[in-house]
Amino acid sequence: MRRAVESADLGEGREKGRLEGAARVLARRFGALPDWAEQRLAAASEAQLETWADGVLDANILTEALAVPAANHRSVAKGVYGVAVEWH
């Protein structure tokens, strides 16, 4: 029983460390994190935190860094000259 509790505590400590690390890196890159970003980090899975960590250097703004990638996701936006641009 004691070993199970210690293992659970260790797992929680690792998760907290990943969360704090992600928040620290994002804040260093983009400045103080708004409440919505902190909430998003707190609700993220371990896999999502890893995905965001991998993409943080490629993002230009915080909303890009915390974007949720979806399988077969299609986005359409207006380009510089008002022309619709689509990417997958």
C-alpha atoms as a PDB file:
ATOM      1  CA  MET A   1       0.000   0.000   0.000  1.00  0.00           C
ATOM      2  CA  ARG A   2       2.766   2.428   0.916  1.00  0.00           C
ATOM      3  CA  ARG A   3       4.571   1.757  -2.366  1.00  0.00           C
ATOM      4  CA  ALA A   4       1.376   2.513  -4.332  1.00  0.00           C
ATOM      5  CA  VAL A   5       0.980   5.843  -2.522  1.00  0.00           C
ATOM      6  CA  GLU A   6       4.620   6.739  -3.156  1.00  0.00           C
ATOM      7  CA  SER A   7       4.219   5.833  -6.825  1.00  0.00           C
ATOM      8  CA  ALA A   8       1.087   7.985  -7.127  1.00  0.00           C
ATOM      9  CA  ASP A   9       2.867  10.900  -5.432  1.00  0.00           C
ATOM     10  CA  LEU A  10       5.800  10.523  -7.806  1.00  0.00           C
ATOM     11  CA  GLY A  11       3.480  10.507 -10.819  1.00  0.00           C
ATOM     12  CA  GLU A  12       1.696  13.631  -9.592  1.00  0.00           C
ATOM     13  CA  GLY A  13       5.046  15.309  -9.009  1.00  0.00           C
ATOM     14  CA  ARG A  14       6.186  14.556 -12.537  1.00  0.00           C
ATOM     15  CA  GLU A  15       2.915  15.852 -13.996  1.00  0.00           C
ATOM     16  CA  LYS A  16       3.181  19.047 -11.948  1.00  0.00           C
ATOM     17  CA  GLY A  17       6.784  19.454 -13.086  1.00  0.00           C
ATOM     18  CA  ARG A  18       5.813  19.114 -16.745  1.00  0.00           C
ATOM     19  CA  LEU A  19       3.026  21.639 -16.301  1.00  0.00           C
ATOM     20  CA  GLU A  20       5.290  24.130 -14.538  1.00  0.00           C
ATOM     21  CA  GLY A  21       7.997  23.608 -17.151  1.00  0.00           C
ATOM     22  CA  ALA A  22       5.589  24.223 -20.015  1.00  0.00           C
ATOM     23  CA  ALA A  23       4.241  27.352 -18.328  1.00  0.00           C
ATOM     24  CA  ARG A  24       7.770  28.642 -17.721  1.00  0.00           C
ATOM     25  CA  VAL A  25       8.853  28.105 -21.339  1.00  0.00           C
ATOM     26  CA  LEU A  26       5.682  29.698 -22.730  1.00  0.00           C
ATOM     27  CA  ALA A  27       5.990  32.698 -20.396  1.00  0.00           C
ATOM     28  CA  ARG A  28       9.625  33.166 -21.349  1.00  0.00           C
ATOM     29  CA  ARG A  29       8.745  33.076 -25.051  1.00  0.00           C
ATOM     30  CA  PHE A  30       5.488  35.086 -25.020  1.00  0.00           C
ATOM     31  CA  GLY A  31       5.439  37.007 -21.737  1.00  0.00           C
ATOM     32  CA  ALA A  32       3.083  36.638 -18.791  1.00  0.00           C
ATOM     33  CA  LEU A  33       0.449  33.996 -19.467  1.00  0.00           C
ATOM     34  CA  PRO A  34      -3.186  35.083 -19.407  1.00  0.00           C
ATOM     35  CA  ASP A  35      -5.683  33.132 -17.300  1.00  0.00           C
ATOM     36  CA  TRP A  36      -7.082  31.265 -20.315  1.00  0.00           C
ATOM     37  CA  ALA A  37      -3.610  29.925 -21.159  1.00  0.00           C
ATOM     38  CA  GLU A  38      -2.965  28.757 -17.597  1.00  0.00           C
ATOM     39  CA  GLN A  39      -6.357  27.031 -17.560  1.00  0.00           C
ATOM     40  CA  ARG A  40      -5.605  25.365 -20.880  1.00  0.00           C
ATOM     41  CA  LEU A  41      -2.270  24.099 -19.573  1.00  0.00           C
ATOM     42  CA  ALA A  42      -3.846  22.788 -16.368  1.00  0.00           C
ATOM     43  CA  ALA A  43      -6.461  20.855 -18.367  1.00  0.00           C
ATOM     44  CA  ALA A  44      -3.991  19.433 -20.897  1.00  0.00           C
ATOM     45  CA  SER A  45      -2.981  15.805 -21.087  1.00  0.00           C
ATOM     46  CA  GLU A  46       0.642  14.756 -20.898  1.00  0.00           C
ATOM     47  CA  ALA A  47       0.606  14.095 -24.653  1.00  0.00           C
ATOM     48  CA  GLN A  48      -0.806  17.568 -25.338  1.00  0.00           C
ATOM     49  CA  LEU A  49       1.866  19.205 -23.180  1.00  0.00           C
ATOM     50  CA  GLU A  50       4.532  17.338 -25.153  1.00  0.00           C
ATOM     51  CA  THR A  51       2.988  18.447 -28.455  1.00  0.00           C
ATOM     52  CA  TRP A  52       2.934  22.074 -27.322  1.00  0.00           C
ATOM     53  CA  ALA A  53       6.508  21.818 -26.056  1.00  0.00           C
ATOM     54  CA  ASP A  54       7.627  20.527 -29.453  1.00  0.00           C
ATOM     55  CA  GLY A  55       5.930  23.397 -31.289  1.00  0.00           C
ATOM     56  CA  VAL A  56       6.621  26.349 -28.983  1.00  0.00           C
ATOM     57  CA  LEU A  57       9.651  27.537 -30.957  1.00  0.00           C
ATOM     58  CA  ASP A  58       7.743  27.460 -34.237  1.00  0.00           C
ATOM     59  CA  ALA A  59       4.803  29.519 -32.965  1.00  0.00           C
ATOM     60  CA  ASN A  60       4.705  33.256 -33.553  1.00  0.00           C
ATOM     61  CA  ILE A  61       2.046  33.995 -30.933  1.00  0.00           C
ATOM     62  CA  LEU A  62       0.712  32.277 -27.830  1.00  0.00           C
ATOM     63  CA  THR A  63      -2.540  31.192 -29.479  1.00  0.00           C
ATOM     64  CA  GLU A  64      -0.504  29.317 -32.110  1.00  0.00           C
ATOM     65  CA  ALA A  65       1.611  27.677 -29.426  1.00  0.00           C
ATOM     66  CA  LEU A  66      -1.485  26.378 -27.634  1.00  0.00           C
ATOM     67  CA  ALA A  67      -3.428  25.399 -30.726  1.00  0.00           C
ATOM     68  CA  VAL A  68      -5.121  22.029 -30.593  1.00  0.00           C
ATOM     69  CA  PRO A  69      -4.115  19.944 -33.592  1.00  0.00           C
ATOM     70  CA  ALA A  70      -6.906  17.787 -34.931  1.00  0.00           C
ATOM     71  CA  ALA A  71      -6.660  14.868 -37.331  1.00  0.00           C
ATOM     72  CA  ASN A  72      -7.654  15.936 -40.827  1.00  0.00           C
ATOM     73  CA  HIS A  73      -8.176  19.488 -39.599  1.00  0.00           C
ATOM     74  CA  ARG A  74      -8.910  22.010 -42.326  1.00  0.00           C
ATOM     75  CA  SER A  75      -8.498  25.709 -41.790  1.00  0.00           C
ATOM     76  CA  VAL A  76      -9.463  28.487 -44.125  1.00  0.00           C
ATOM     77  CA  ALA A  77      -8.311  32.050 -43.679  1.00  0.00           C
ATOM     78  CA  LYS A  78      -8.181  35.192 -45.746  1.00  0.00           C
ATOM     79  CA  GLY A  79      -4.739  35.798 -47.188  1.00  0.00           C
ATOM     80  CA  VAL A  80      -3.028  39.162 -47.510  1.00  0.00           C
ATOM     81  CA  TYR A  81      -5.082  40.155 -50.539  1.00  0.00           C
ATOM     82  CA  GLY A  82      -8.402  38.750 -49.291  1.00  0.00           C
ATOM     83  CA  VAL A  83      -7.977  35.458 -51.118  1.00  0.00           C
ATOM     84  CA  ALA A  84      -9.054  32.382 -49.162  1.00  0.00           C
ATOM     85  CA  VAL A  85      -6.117  30.202 -48.212  1.00  0.00           C
ATOM     86  CA  GLU A  86      -6.696  26.601 -47.133  1.00  0.00           C
ATOM     87  CA  TRP A  87      -4.313  24.225 -45.408  1.00  0.00           C
ATOM     88  CA  HIS A  88      -4.587  20.782 -43.829  1.00  0.00           C
END
